[in-house]
C-alpha atoms as a PDB file:
ATOM      1  CA  UNK A   1     -13.634 -10.805   2.702  1.00  0.00           C
ATOM      2  CA  UNK A   2     -10.564  -8.595   3.246  1.00  0.00           C
ATOM      3  CA  UNK A   3      -7.022  -9.571   4.197  1.00  0.00           C
ATOM      4  CA  UNK A   4      -3.748  -7.693   4.327  1.00  0.00           C
ATOM      5  CA  UNK A   5      -1.864  -7.661   1.030  1.00  0.00           C
ATOM      6  CA  UNK A   6       0.865  -5.017   1.264  1.00  0.00           C
ATOM      7  CA  UNK A   7       1.821  -1.548   2.473  1.00  0.00           C
ATOM      8  CA  UNK A   8       3.050   1.353   0.365  1.00  0.00           C
ATOM      9  CA  UNK A   9       5.666   4.008   1.056  1.00  0.00           C
ATOM     10  CA  UNK A  10       5.129   6.927  -1.315  1.00  0.00           C
ATOM     11  CA  UNK A  11       8.028   9.209  -2.172  1.00  0.00           C
ATOM     12  CA  UNK A  12       8.878  12.243  -4.327  1.00  0.00           C
ATOM     13  CA  UNK A  13      11.266   9.994  -6.277  1.00  0.00           C
ATOM     14  CA  UNK A  14      12.206   6.338  -6.049  1.00  0.00           C
ATOM     15  CA  UNK A  15      15.835   6.791  -4.981  1.00  0.00           C
ATOM     16  CA  UNK A  16      14.825   9.024  -2.060  1.00  0.00           C
ATOM     17  CA  UNK A  17      12.105   6.617  -1.003  1.00  0.00           C
ATOM     18  CA  UNK A  18      14.416   3.615  -1.138  1.00  0.00           C
ATOM     19  CA  UNK A  19      17.148   5.372   0.866  1.00  0.00           C
ATOM     20  CA  UNK A  20      14.615   6.446   3.524  1.00  0.00           C
ATOM     21  CA  UNK A  21      13.095   2.982   3.829  1.00  0.00           C
ATOM     22  CA  UNK A  22      16.403   1.122   3.884  1.00  0.00           C
ATOM     23  CA  UNK A  23      17.639   3.456   6.638  1.00  0.00           C
ATOM     24  CA  UNK A  24      14.510   2.809   8.732  1.00  0.00           C
ATOM     25  CA  UNK A  25      14.628  -0.966   8.234  1.00  0.00           C
ATOM     26  CA  UNK A  26      18.396  -1.424   8.265  1.00  0.00           C
ATOM     27  CA  UNK A  27      18.204  -3.785   5.305  1.00  0.00           C
ATOM     28  CA  UNK A  28      18.200  -3.501   1.494  1.00  0.00           C
ATOM     29  CA  UNK A  29      15.108  -3.602  -0.676  1.00  0.00           C
ATOM     30  CA  UNK A  30      14.678  -5.967  -3.588  1.00  0.00           C
ATOM     31  CA  UNK A  31      13.963  -5.056  -7.194  1.00  0.00           C
ATOM     32  CA  UNK A  32      10.576  -3.917  -8.458  1.00  0.00           C
ATOM     33  CA  UNK A  33       9.191  -2.773 -11.771  1.00  0.00           C
ATOM     34  CA  UNK A  34       7.071  -0.297 -13.713  1.00  0.00           C
ATOM     35  CA  UNK A  35       3.313   0.315 -13.897  1.00  0.00           C
ATOM     36  CA  UNK A  36       2.716   1.707 -17.404  1.00  0.00           C
ATOM     37  CA  UNK A  37      -0.996   2.325 -16.762  1.00  0.00           C
ATOM     38  CA  UNK A  38      -0.167   4.605 -13.836  1.00  0.00           C
ATOM     39  CA  UNK A  39       3.198   6.041 -14.855  1.00  0.00           C
ATOM     40  CA  UNK A  40       4.800   4.808 -11.635  1.00  0.00           C
ATOM     41  CA  UNK A  41       7.573   2.446 -10.575  1.00  0.00           C
ATOM     42  CA  UNK A  42       8.503   0.666  -7.364  1.00  0.00           C
ATOM     43  CA  UNK A  43      10.881  -1.462  -5.308  1.00  0.00           C
ATOM     44  CA  UNK A  44       9.662  -4.370  -3.199  1.00  0.00           C
ATOM     45  CA  UNK A  45      10.495  -6.324  -0.045  1.00  0.00           C
ATOM     46  CA  UNK A  46       8.864  -9.486   1.274  1.00  0.00           C
ATOM     47  CA  UNK A  47       7.510  -9.266   4.821  1.00  0.00           C
ATOM     48  CA  UNK A  48       6.372 -12.872   4.935  1.00  0.00           C
ATOM     49  CA  UNK A  49       4.836 -15.495   2.657  1.00  0.00           C
ATOM     50  CA  UNK A  50       1.611 -13.520   2.084  1.00  0.00           C
ATOM     51  CA  UNK A  51       2.607  -9.902   2.716  1.00  0.00           C
ATOM     52  CA  UNK A  52       5.087  -7.392   1.317  1.00  0.00           C
ATOM     53  CA  UNK A  53       5.921  -3.708   1.122  1.00  0.00           C
ATOM     54  CA  UNK A  54       6.589  -1.411  -1.800  1.00  0.00           C
ATOM     55  CA  UNK A  55       8.254   1.944  -2.210  1.00  0.00           C
ATOM     56  CA  UNK A  56       6.458   3.706  -5.049  1.00  0.00           C
ATOM     57  CA  UNK A  57       6.815   7.000  -6.887  1.00  0.00           C
ATOM     58  CA  UNK A  58       6.049   8.643 -10.212  1.00  0.00           C
ATOM     59  CA  UNK A  59       8.322   7.304 -12.944  1.00  0.00           C
ATOM     60  CA  UNK A  60       9.891  10.367 -14.617  1.00  0.00           C
ATOM     61  CA  UNK A  61      10.626   8.322 -17.751  1.00  0.00           C
ATOM     62  CA  UNK A  62       7.040   7.141 -18.251  1.00  0.00           C
ATOM     63  CA  UNK A  63       4.244   8.996 -20.036  1.00  0.00           C
ATOM     64  CA  UNK A  64       1.688  10.551 -17.713  1.00  0.00           C
ATOM     65  CA  UNK A  65      -1.507   8.469 -17.534  1.00  0.00           C
ATOM     66  CA  UNK A  66      -4.812   9.762 -18.866  1.00  0.00           C
ATOM     67  CA  UNK A  67      -6.293   9.499 -15.373  1.00  0.00           C
ATOM     68  CA  UNK A  68      -5.371  10.377 -11.802  1.00  0.00           C
ATOM     69  CA  UNK A  69      -2.623   8.165 -10.365  1.00  0.00           C
ATOM     70  CA  UNK A  70      -3.142   5.903  -7.380  1.00  0.00           C
ATOM     71  CA  UNK A  71      -1.901   6.634  -3.824  1.00  0.00           C
ATOM     72  CA  UNK A  72      -2.441  10.395  -4.296  1.00  0.00           C
ATOM     73  CA  UNK A  73       0.925  10.586  -6.063  1.00  0.00           C
ATOM     74  CA  UNK A  74      -0.232  13.446  -8.270  1.00  0.00           C
ATOM     75  CA  UNK A  75      -0.274  15.637  -5.165  1.00  0.00           C
ATOM     76  CA  UNK A  76       3.501  15.242  -5.060  1.00  0.00           C
ATOM     77  CA  UNK A  77       4.582  13.820  -1.675  1.00  0.00           C
ATOM     78  CA  UNK A  78       7.220  16.130  -0.204  1.00  0.00           C
ATOM     79  CA  UNK A  79       8.999  13.353   1.700  1.00  0.00           C
ATOM     80  CA  UNK A  80       8.852   9.549   1.840  1.00  0.00           C
ATOM     81  CA  UNK A  81       6.281   8.126   4.233  1.00  0.00           C
ATOM     82  CA  UNK A  82       4.257   5.020   4.914  1.00  0.00           C
ATOM     83  CA  UNK A  83       1.058   6.443   3.476  1.00  0.00           C
ATOM     84  CA  UNK A  84      -1.164   3.576   2.326  1.00  0.00           C
ATOM     85  CA  UNK A  85      -2.162   0.035   3.060  1.00  0.00           C
ATOM     86  CA  UNK A  86      -3.707  -2.398   0.630  1.00  0.00           C
ATOM     87  CA  UNK A  87      -6.152  -5.225   1.330  1.00  0.00           C
ATOM     88  CA  UNK A  88      -6.978  -8.043  -1.047  1.00  0.00           C
ATOM     89  CA  UNK A  89     -10.389  -9.517  -1.684  1.00  0.00           C
ATOM     90  CA  UNK A  90     -11.546 -12.456  -3.814  1.00  0.00           C
ATOM     91  CA  UNK A  91     -14.568 -10.411  -4.980  1.00  0.00           C
ATOM     92  CA  UNK A  92     -13.731  -6.783  -5.716  1.00  0.00           C
ATOM     93  CA  UNK A  93     -17.240  -5.717  -6.888  1.00  0.00           C
ATOM     94  CA  UNK A  94     -18.782  -7.121  -3.698  1.00  0.00           C
ATOM     95  CA  UNK A  95     -16.135  -5.432  -1.526  1.00  0.00           C
ATOM     96  CA  UNK A  96     -16.729  -2.116  -3.286  1.00  0.00           C
ATOM     97  CA  UNK A  97     -20.484  -2.430  -2.792  1.00  0.00           C
ATOM     98  CA  UNK A  98     -19.867  -2.466   0.970  1.00  0.00           C
ATOM     99  CA  UNK A  99     -17.140   0.192   0.930  1.00  0.00           C
ATOM    100  CA  UNK A 100     -17.669   3.948   1.339  1.00  0.00           C
ATOM    101  CA  UNK A 101     -18.302   6.061  -1.741  1.00  0.00           C
ATOM    102  CA  UNK A 102     -15.053   7.110  -3.361  1.00  0.00           C
ATOM    103  CA  UNK A 103     -13.147   3.887  -2.652  1.00  0.00           C
ATOM    104  CA  UNK A 104     -12.500   3.603  -6.364  1.00  0.00           C
ATOM    105  CA  UNK A 105     -13.257   2.239  -9.785  1.00  0.00           C
ATOM    106  CA  UNK A 106     -11.937  -1.269 -10.623  1.00  0.00           C
ATOM    107  CA  UNK A 107      -9.088  -1.189 -13.125  1.00  0.00           C
ATOM    108  CA  UNK A 108      -7.615  -4.279 -14.796  1.00  0.00           C
ATOM    109  CA  UNK A 109      -3.825  -4.081 -14.627  1.00  0.00           C
ATOM    110  CA  UNK A 110      -0.894  -6.311 -15.538  1.00  0.00           C
ATOM    111  CA  UNK A 111       2.886  -6.463 -15.422  1.00  0.00           C
ATOM    112  CA  UNK A 112       4.861  -9.364 -16.856  1.00  0.00           C
ATOM    113  CA  UNK A 113       3.100 -12.492 -15.533  1.00  0.00           C
ATOM    114  CA  UNK A 114       1.162 -10.590 -12.843  1.00  0.00           C
ATOM    115  CA  UNK A 115      -2.497  -9.708 -13.369  1.00  0.00           C
ATOM    116  CA  UNK A 116      -4.766  -7.931 -10.915  1.00  0.00           C
ATOM    117  CA  UNK A 117      -7.720  -5.622 -10.484  1.00  0.00           C
ATOM    118  CA  UNK A 118      -7.448  -2.616  -8.221  1.00  0.00           C
ATOM    119  CA  UNK A 119      -9.959  -0.019  -7.112  1.00  0.00           C
ATOM    120  CA  UNK A 120      -8.433   3.405  -7.835  1.00  0.00           C
ATOM    121  CA  UNK A 121     -10.334   6.511  -6.681  1.00  0.00           C
ATOM    122  CA  UNK A 122     -11.015   9.127  -9.342  1.00  0.00           C
ATOM    123  CA  UNK A 123      -9.526  11.795  -7.070  1.00  0.00           C
ATOM    124  CA  UNK A 124      -6.482   9.699  -6.150  1.00  0.00           C
ATOM    125  CA  UNK A 125      -7.530   9.921  -2.488  1.00  0.00           C
ATOM    126  CA  UNK A 126      -9.366   7.221  -0.556  1.00  0.00           C
ATOM    127  CA  UNK A 127     -12.131   7.747   2.047  1.00  0.00           C
ATOM    128  CA  UNK A 128     -11.369   8.628   5.661  1.00  0.00           C
ATOM    129  CA  UNK A 129      -8.838  11.269   4.542  1.00  0.00           C
ATOM    130  CA  UNK A 130      -6.968   8.699   2.435  1.00  0.00           C
ATOM    131  CA  UNK A 131      -6.750   6.260   5.363  1.00  0.00           C
ATOM    132  CA  UNK A 132      -9.145   3.608   4.026  1.00  0.00           C
ATOM    133  CA  UNK A 133      -7.197   0.700   2.503  1.00  0.00           C
ATOM    134  CA  UNK A 134      -6.893   0.405  -1.250  1.00  0.00           C
ATOM    135  CA  UNK A 135      -8.623  -2.753  -2.490  1.00  0.00           C
ATOM    136  CA  UNK A 136      -6.970  -5.279  -4.778  1.00  0.00           C
ATOM    137  CA  UNK A 137      -8.050  -8.587  -6.303  1.00  0.00           C
ATOM    138  CA  UNK A 138      -5.331 -10.790  -7.766  1.00  0.00           C
ATOM    139  CA  UNK A 139      -6.202 -12.475 -11.057  1.00  0.00           C
ATOM    140  CA  UNK A 140      -2.861 -14.304 -11.012  1.00  0.00           C
ATOM    141  CA  UNK A 141      -0.803 -15.490  -8.061  1.00  0.00           C
ATOM    142  CA  UNK A 142       0.485 -12.518  -6.025  1.00  0.00           C
ATOM    143  CA  UNK A 143       4.176 -11.618  -6.363  1.00  0.00           C
ATOM    144  CA  UNK A 144       6.509 -14.306  -5.044  1.00  0.00           C
ATOM    145  CA  UNK A 145       9.464 -12.492  -3.492  1.00  0.00           C
ATOM    146  CA  UNK A 146      12.661 -13.825  -1.911  1.00  0.00           C
ATOM    147  CA  UNK A 147      12.263 -14.238   1.843  1.00  0.00           C
ATOM    148  CA  UNK A 148      13.990 -11.251   3.457  1.00  0.00           C
ATOM    149  CA  UNK A 149      13.661 -12.629   6.974  1.00  0.00           C
ATOM    150  CA  UNK A 150      11.536  -9.598   7.913  1.00  0.00           C
ATOM    151  CA  UNK A 151       7.973  -9.908   9.196  1.00  0.00           C
ATOM    152  CA  UNK A 152       5.177  -7.480   9.989  1.00  0.00           C
ATOM    153  CA  UNK A 153       4.568  -7.470  13.741  1.00  0.00           C
ATOM    154  CA  UNK A 154       1.927  -4.717  13.839  1.00  0.00           C
ATOM    155  CA  UNK A 155       0.318  -2.143  11.576  1.00  0.00           C
ATOM    156  CA  UNK A 156      -1.103   0.841  13.461  1.00  0.00           C
ATOM    157  CA  UNK A 157      -3.759   2.910  11.671  1.00  0.00           C
ATOM    158  CA  UNK A 158      -4.395   6.306  13.278  1.00  0.00           C
ATOM    159  CA  UNK A 159      -7.315   8.584  12.363  1.00  0.00           C
ATOM    160  CA  UNK A 160      -9.841  10.794  14.191  1.00  0.00           C
ATOM    161  CA  UNK A 161     -12.580   8.316  13.156  1.00  0.00           C
ATOM    162  CA  UNK A 162     -10.541   5.177  13.690  1.00  0.00           C
ATOM    163  CA  UNK A 163     -13.412   3.341  15.388  1.00  0.00           C
ATOM    164  CA  UNK A 164     -15.754   4.014  12.466  1.00  0.00           C
ATOM    165  CA  UNK A 165     -13.108   2.876   9.975  1.00  0.00           C
ATOM    166  CA  UNK A 166     -12.469  -0.324  11.932  1.00  0.00           C
ATOM    167  CA  UNK A 167     -16.196  -1.074  12.159  1.00  0.00           C
ATOM    168  CA  UNK A 168     -16.689  -0.471   8.439  1.00  0.00           C
ATOM    169  CA  UNK A 169     -13.847  -2.833   7.492  1.00  0.00           C
ATOM    170  CA  UNK A 170     -14.458  -5.606  10.036  1.00  0.00           C
ATOM    171  CA  UNK A 171     -10.905  -6.786   9.325  1.00  0.00           C
ATOM    172  CA  UNK A 172     -10.004  -9.818  11.431  1.00  0.00           C
ATOM    173  CA  UNK A 173      -6.208  -9.601  11.600  1.00  0.00           C
ATOM    174  CA  UNK A 174      -4.400  -9.414  14.968  1.00  0.00           C
ATOM    175  CA  UNK A 175      -1.532  -7.503  13.325  1.00  0.00           C
ATOM    176  CA  UNK A 176      -3.769  -4.487  12.597  1.00  0.00           C
ATOM    177  CA  UNK A 177      -4.550  -1.987  15.342  1.00  0.00           C
ATOM    178  CA  UNK A 178      -6.773   1.095  14.960  1.00  0.00           C
ATOM    179  CA  UNK A 179      -5.906   4.089  17.103  1.00  0.00           C
ATOM    180  CA  UNK A 180      -7.860   7.336  17.499  1.00  0.00           C
ATOM    181  CA  UNK A 181      -5.678  10.385  16.904  1.00  0.00           C
ATOM    182  CA  UNK A 182      -5.828  13.952  15.615  1.00  0.00           C
ATOM    183  CA  UNK A 183      -4.732  13.146  12.065  1.00  0.00           C
ATOM    184  CA  UNK A 184      -4.050  10.302   9.664  1.00  0.00           C
ATOM    185  CA  UNK A 185      -0.879   8.321  10.393  1.00  0.00           C
ATOM    186  CA  UNK A 186       0.339   4.830   9.550  1.00  0.00           C
ATOM    187  CA  UNK A 187       3.064   3.011  11.455  1.00  0.00           C
ATOM    188  CA  UNK A 188       4.420  -0.482  10.805  1.00  0.00           C
ATOM    189  CA  UNK A 189       6.438  -2.381  13.384  1.00  0.00           C
ATOM    190  CA  UNK A 190       8.705  -4.777  11.515  1.00  0.00           C
ATOM    191  CA  UNK A 191      10.697  -7.667  12.979  1.00  0.00           C
ATOM    192  CA  UNK A 192      13.926  -7.777  10.970  1.00  0.00           C
ATOM    193  CA  UNK A 193      17.077  -9.931  11.197  1.00  0.00           C
ATOM    194  CA  UNK A 194      18.644  -6.858  12.859  1.00  0.00           C
ATOM    195  CA  UNK A 195      15.918  -6.400  15.448  1.00  0.00           C
ATOM    196  CA  UNK A 196      12.582  -4.662  15.549  1.00  0.00           C
ATOM    197  CA  UNK A 197      12.259  -1.489  13.442  1.00  0.00           C
ATOM    198  CA  UNK A 198       9.507   1.097  12.970  1.00  0.00           C
ATOM    199  CA  UNK A 199       8.504   2.160   9.480  1.00  0.00           C
ATOM    200  CA  UNK A 200       6.497   5.355   9.126  1.00  0.00           C
END
């Protein structure tokens, strides 16, 4: 039911997040856009034909939404970090029925020609200390981004209850590894045209 869709680097502001990510990857990011329903904006980079990454932050020029923003951005990240991962599903209600309480309420969203539904938690924070993946269901084709030549080699999800999270998700993707550790941490190993880089 679930497959990897993208990863998200949250940042106190977009310029800081982009600079941090470009320094870690050694390559430039592509353009992005705005999310009026959430008061956020982003920059994107393809990591393969069916996977990408975004740097996302609160848009200071957008009105604040009437609800809590996604990715716990209202808590104000102090520094850029790889903080979230997003999985897509063809049936969001069914996926939510199997997910832990607090995974989110489905919201219908759009931007230009893109249309999708996403489960956004009322608190802004996902289960397992915000380590559970956000769930998305594309109503249009996902974003088609220029091939950057970069590819995800491995996504490491660390949490004290990593085994329970892995069992709950039953995600069959050899690129994803769950690791038991003292606190939440995400780490992406990226094969780039300039060699392998670590994004965290």
